[in-house]
Amino acid sequence: MAQLQIVYPLRPGTQEQWRRLCQTLAGSRRDQLEAFCRQTSVTQVQFWLVQTRRGQVMLMTLDTGEPEQVLEDLAASKQPFERWLREQVQGLLGWNLQDTLPGPQCDLIFDWPSNN
């Protein structure tokens, strides 16, 4: 099982909004979240507020078989729940999930221990 992780500095004044979003996902939108997770093979979702010396950081972790596909599905979906969730997350992060497509653009610059 792979993980999709997003770490982002928490925007000022959004901590309570993140907490309300998580309460909504655990409450009135739970069935919709569970359906989305089944559809995208997500087995666990975690949102963490992490206090650092320089401020708070939002850490989102999704356990899934295909991390890139989950982000693509969420960014491109026309379904009402996915559109709603995308708008909520984008508003709190301050950036557009669709800007991350068509796939992760990253360079692995350190890997220890190496799998070689």
Protein backbone atom coordinates (compact mmCIF):
# COMPACT_ATOMS: atom_id res chain seq x y z
CA MET A 1 0.00 0.00 0.00
CA ALA A 2 1.33 3.42 -0.96
CA GLN A 3 0.62 6.80 0.56
CA LEU A 4 -0.31 10.15 -0.88
CA GLN A 5 0.98 12.84 1.45
CA ILE A 6 0.44 16.57 1.20
CA VAL A 7 2.28 18.82 3.62
CA TYR A 8 1.50 22.50 3.50
CA PRO A 9 1.92 25.50 5.83
CA LEU A 10 -1.42 26.21 7.47
CA ARG A 11 -2.83 29.48 6.24
CA PRO A 12 -3.48 31.96 9.07
CA GLY A 13 -6.97 31.75 10.50
CA THR A 14 -7.88 28.41 8.88
CA GLN A 15 -7.30 25.99 11.77
CA GLU A 16 -10.93 26.07 12.91
CA GLN A 17 -12.15 25.73 9.30
CA TRP A 18 -10.03 22.57 8.91
CA ARG A 19 -11.51 21.19 12.11
CA ARG A 20 -15.06 21.93 10.89
CA LEU A 21 -14.32 20.30 7.53
CA CYS A 22 -13.09 17.15 9.30
CA GLN A 23 -16.18 17.13 11.54
CA THR A 24 -18.38 17.40 8.45
CA LEU A 25 -16.51 14.53 6.74
CA ALA A 26 -16.90 12.38 9.86
CA GLY A 27 -20.56 13.34 10.26
CA SER A 28 -23.00 14.45 7.59
CA ARG A 29 -20.69 13.63 4.64
CA ARG A 30 -19.33 10.34 5.98
CA ASP A 31 -21.27 8.14 3.54
CA GLN A 32 -20.10 10.22 0.60
CA LEU A 33 -16.48 10.12 1.79
CA GLU A 34 -16.69 6.35 2.23
CA ALA A 35 -18.07 5.96 -1.31
CA PHE A 36 -15.28 8.11 -2.75
CA CYS A 37 -12.68 6.11 -0.82
CA ARG A 38 -14.09 2.80 -2.08
CA GLN A 39 -14.13 4.13 -5.65
CA THR A 40 -10.50 5.28 -5.44
CA SER A 41 -9.17 2.39 -3.29
CA VAL A 42 -8.34 4.67 -0.36
CA THR A 43 -8.16 2.65 2.84
CA GLN A 44 -7.31 5.42 5.31
CA VAL A 45 -7.50 9.22 5.40
CA GLN A 46 -5.74 11.31 8.03
CA PHE A 47 -5.54 15.07 8.47
CA TRP A 48 -2.99 16.32 10.99
CA LEU A 49 -2.40 19.84 12.33
CA VAL A 50 1.28 19.88 13.29
CA GLN A 51 2.72 22.68 15.40
CA THR A 52 6.28 23.59 14.44
CA ARG A 53 8.52 26.33 15.77
CA ARG A 54 7.65 28.42 12.72
CA GLY A 55 3.90 27.85 12.75
CA GLN A 56 1.40 25.15 11.95
CA VAL A 57 1.55 22.70 9.08
CA MET A 58 -1.30 20.69 7.56
CA LEU A 59 -0.37 17.06 6.87
CA MET A 60 -2.83 15.01 4.82
CA THR A 61 -2.17 11.29 4.36
CA LEU A 62 -4.17 8.90 2.19
CA ASP A 63 -3.32 5.19 2.08
CA THR A 64 -4.08 3.87 -1.38
CA GLY A 65 -2.75 1.62 -4.09
CA GLU A 66 -2.49 4.45 -6.64
CA PRO A 67 -1.72 7.82 -5.00
CA GLU A 68 -1.43 9.78 -8.25
CA GLN A 69 -4.77 8.46 -9.47
CA VAL A 70 -6.60 9.59 -6.32
CA LEU A 71 -5.38 13.15 -6.77
CA GLU A 72 -6.29 13.10 -10.47
CA ASP A 73 -9.76 11.73 -9.68
CA LEU A 74 -10.39 14.38 -7.05
CA ALA A 75 -9.05 17.19 -9.22
CA ALA A 76 -11.05 16.24 -12.32
CA SER A 77 -14.27 14.76 -10.94
CA LYS A 78 -17.63 16.27 -11.84
CA GLN A 79 -19.46 14.38 -9.07
CA PRO A 80 -21.15 16.64 -6.48
CA PHE A 81 -19.28 15.33 -3.42
CA GLU A 82 -15.88 15.41 -5.09
CA ARG A 83 -16.52 18.93 -6.40
CA TRP A 84 -17.57 20.05 -2.91
CA LEU A 85 -14.53 18.42 -1.26
CA ARG A 86 -12.16 19.85 -3.87
CA GLU A 87 -13.58 23.36 -3.32
CA GLN A 88 -13.24 23.02 0.47
CA VAL A 89 -9.64 21.82 0.33
CA GLN A 90 -8.64 24.33 -2.33
CA GLY A 91 -10.11 27.19 -0.32
CA LEU A 92 -8.25 26.15 2.81
CA LEU A 93 -4.94 25.40 1.10
CA GLY A 94 -5.09 28.43 -1.16
CA TRP A 95 -4.08 26.53 -4.30
CA ASN A 96 -5.88 24.66 -7.03
CA LEU A 97 -5.63 20.85 -6.97
CA GLN A 98 -5.95 20.85 -10.74
CA ASP A 99 -2.60 22.69 -10.93
CA THR A 100 -0.92 19.47 -9.75
CA LEU A 101 -1.99 17.54 -12.85
CA PRO A 102 -1.09 15.63 -15.03
CA GLY A 103 1.13 13.97 -12.44
CA PRO A 104 3.73 14.56 -9.79
CA GLN A 105 6.73 16.49 -11.00
CA CYS A 106 9.43 15.67 -8.49
CA ASP A 107 12.99 14.48 -8.22
CA LEU A 108 14.01 12.01 -5.55
CA ILE A 109 17.17 13.58 -4.15
CA PHE A 110 17.78 11.28 -1.17
CA ASP A 111 16.77 7.70 -0.40
CA TRP A 112 18.10 5.85 2.62
CA PRO A 113 18.46 3.00 2.94
CA SER A 114 18.59 2.41 -0.75
CA ASN A 115 16.65 -0.51 -2.23
CA ASN A 116 19.56 -1.33 -4.57
